[in-house]
Amino acid sequence: MSIDDYDWLAQRIVEGAPEAIVVADRDGVIRLWNAGAEAIFGYPAEEAVGQTLDLIVPERQRKAHWAGFGEVMKTGVTRYGRDELLKVPALTKDGSRISLEFSICLLPGAESEPVGAAAIMRDVTARWHEERALRQKLAALEGAS
């Protein structure tokens, strides 16, 4: 194999990325789950592939998630790609809530509608907690003035 072999290169990037790379079909069924997803969410690929995205979407967000996902699959349009990251809570295997930022890449089919979507996700839980603590300190300082 060489770096000039596109399939080999793409596979190595997906396998080696520390970010979660998750591909779901148009029904929201997970079809690809990389090592980064295993590390972030705690599910081995064997447990995640074939499950719906409900595996990682908190119950309170599922209605909004599926409405948005369905609209994107119908229209082929998402605002979360190159310029804007989606920021959402997610669930891990042990039931912990984490904060994610991610972009979405739609996977075009032969027709105008996408056949699925790939998400590249990063766990930003630590940063979210730090920013929340700073906002609370600022509010307290403003309140003391």
Protein backbone atom coordinates (compact mmCIF):
# COMPACT_ATOMS: atom_id res chain seq x y z
CA MET A 1 0.00 0.00 0.00
CA SER A 2 1.09 3.56 -0.55
CA ILE A 3 -0.10 7.02 0.33
CA ASP A 4 -1.16 7.36 -3.33
CA ASP A 5 -3.80 4.62 -2.88
CA TYR A 6 -6.92 6.68 -2.13
CA ASP A 7 -8.95 3.88 -0.51
CA TRP A 8 -6.05 2.89 1.74
CA LEU A 9 -5.45 6.51 2.69
CA ALA A 10 -9.12 7.24 3.42
CA GLN A 11 -9.42 4.13 5.57
CA ARG A 12 -6.32 5.04 7.60
CA ILE A 13 -7.60 8.57 8.19
CA VAL A 14 -10.98 7.33 9.41
CA GLU A 15 -9.45 4.63 11.60
CA GLY A 16 -6.78 6.89 13.08
CA ALA A 17 -8.74 10.07 13.71
CA PRO A 18 -9.17 10.92 17.41
CA GLU A 19 -12.52 12.51 16.57
CA ALA A 20 -15.61 10.34 16.36
CA ILE A 21 -16.48 9.67 12.74
CA VAL A 22 -19.98 8.24 12.50
CA VAL A 23 -21.90 7.50 9.32
CA ALA A 24 -25.65 6.95 9.45
CA ASP A 25 -27.96 5.99 6.60
CA ARG A 26 -31.03 8.06 5.77
CA ASP A 27 -33.01 6.17 8.43
CA GLY A 28 -30.51 7.15 11.12
CA VAL A 29 -29.00 3.68 11.41
CA ILE A 30 -25.29 3.72 12.21
CA ARG A 31 -23.23 2.18 9.38
CA LEU A 32 -19.70 3.27 10.33
CA TRP A 33 -18.24 3.85 13.81
CA ASN A 34 -14.53 4.56 14.07
CA ALA A 35 -12.07 4.12 16.95
CA GLY A 36 -12.55 7.78 17.89
CA ALA A 37 -16.29 7.10 18.37
CA GLU A 38 -15.41 4.06 20.48
CA ALA A 39 -13.18 6.21 22.70
CA ILE A 40 -15.66 9.08 23.05
CA PHE A 41 -18.89 7.13 23.48
CA GLY A 42 -17.62 3.88 25.01
CA TYR A 43 -19.38 1.54 22.58
CA PRO A 44 -17.27 -0.79 20.46
CA ALA A 45 -18.16 -0.70 16.77
CA GLU A 46 -19.74 -4.16 17.05
CA GLU A 47 -22.35 -2.75 19.47
CA ALA A 48 -22.97 0.55 17.68
CA VAL A 49 -23.19 -0.42 14.01
CA GLY A 50 -26.77 -1.37 13.17
CA GLN A 51 -28.25 0.70 16.02
CA THR A 52 -30.04 4.01 15.46
CA LEU A 53 -28.56 7.32 16.53
CA ASP A 54 -30.80 7.08 19.61
CA LEU A 55 -27.80 5.23 21.03
CA ILE A 56 -26.09 8.58 21.65
CA VAL A 57 -28.95 11.12 21.47
CA PRO A 58 -30.37 11.94 24.92
CA GLU A 59 -34.05 11.14 25.23
CA ARG A 60 -35.05 14.81 25.74
CA GLN A 61 -33.41 15.77 22.42
CA ARG A 62 -34.68 12.88 20.29
CA LYS A 63 -37.85 14.52 18.96
CA ALA A 64 -35.92 17.60 17.78
CA HIS A 65 -33.05 15.44 16.50
CA TRP A 66 -35.29 13.24 14.35
CA ALA A 67 -37.28 16.21 13.03
CA GLY A 68 -34.06 17.93 11.95
CA PHE A 69 -32.49 14.74 10.62
CA GLY A 70 -35.61 13.94 8.57
CA GLU A 71 -35.69 17.43 7.09
CA VAL A 72 -32.01 17.24 6.11
CA MET A 73 -32.53 13.83 4.50
CA LYS A 74 -35.56 15.16 2.61
CA THR A 75 -34.05 18.43 1.42
CA GLY A 76 -30.35 17.61 1.23
CA VAL A 77 -29.59 20.89 3.01
CA THR A 78 -27.82 21.37 6.34
CA ARG A 79 -26.33 24.49 7.84
CA TYR A 80 -23.86 22.43 9.89
CA GLY A 81 -20.98 21.82 7.58
CA ARG A 82 -18.15 24.02 6.54
CA ASP A 83 -19.00 27.23 8.42
CA GLU A 84 -21.03 26.27 11.47
CA LEU A 85 -20.59 23.51 14.04
CA LEU A 86 -23.53 21.79 15.65
CA LYS A 87 -23.29 21.90 19.46
CA VAL A 88 -25.33 19.27 21.28
CA PRO A 89 -25.37 17.04 24.34
CA ALA A 90 -24.85 13.31 23.85
CA LEU A 91 -24.86 10.11 25.88
CA THR A 92 -22.06 7.64 26.49
CA LYS A 93 -22.40 3.93 27.13
CA ASP A 94 -22.23 4.44 30.90
CA GLY A 95 -25.07 6.99 30.73
CA SER A 96 -22.87 10.07 31.18
CA ARG A 97 -23.82 13.23 29.32
CA ILE A 98 -21.13 14.88 27.27
CA SER A 99 -21.01 17.98 25.09
CA LEU A 100 -20.19 17.61 21.40
CA GLU A 101 -19.30 19.90 18.55
CA PHE A 102 -19.48 18.47 15.07
CA SER A 103 -19.88 19.05 11.39
CA ILE A 104 -22.00 17.06 9.00
CA CYS A 105 -21.17 15.85 5.52
CA LEU A 106 -24.18 14.69 3.49
CA LEU A 107 -23.65 11.58 1.37
CA PRO A 108 -25.28 12.10 -2.03
CA GLY A 109 -27.24 9.35 -3.70
CA ALA A 110 -28.17 8.85 -7.34
CA GLU A 111 -31.30 10.97 -6.81
CA SER A 112 -31.34 14.44 -5.29
CA GLU A 113 -31.87 13.14 -1.75
CA PRO A 114 -28.89 12.06 0.36
CA VAL A 115 -28.44 8.40 1.25
CA GLY A 116 -27.03 9.32 4.64
CA ALA A 117 -24.73 11.59 6.56
CA ALA A 118 -21.28 11.48 8.09
CA ALA A 119 -20.59 13.38 11.29
CA ILE A 120 -17.17 14.30 12.60
CA MET A 121 -17.53 14.89 16.34
CA ARG A 122 -15.31 16.17 19.11
CA ASP A 123 -15.97 15.90 22.86
CA VAL A 124 -15.86 19.45 24.24
CA THR A 125 -17.27 18.67 27.69
CA ALA A 126 -14.26 20.03 29.61
CA ARG A 127 -14.32 23.30 27.67
CA TRP A 128 -18.10 23.61 28.16
CA HIS A 129 -17.69 23.27 31.96
CA GLU A 130 -14.84 25.82 31.99
CA GLU A 131 -16.89 28.33 30.00
CA ARG A 132 -19.91 27.80 32.25
CA ALA A 133 -17.78 28.42 35.36
CA LEU A 134 -16.39 31.61 33.80
CA ARG A 135 -19.91 32.82 32.93
CA GLN A 136 -21.01 32.17 36.53
CA LYS A 137 -18.00 34.08 37.92
CA LEU A 138 -18.71 36.97 35.58
CA ALA A 139 -22.38 37.04 36.59
CA ALA A 140 -21.38 37.03 40.26
CA LEU A 141 -18.92 39.88 39.71
CA GLU A 142 -21.50 41.90 37.78
CA GLY A 143 -24.03 41.24 40.53
CA ALA A 144 -21.60 42.46 43.19
CA SER A 145 -21.11 45.80 41.42
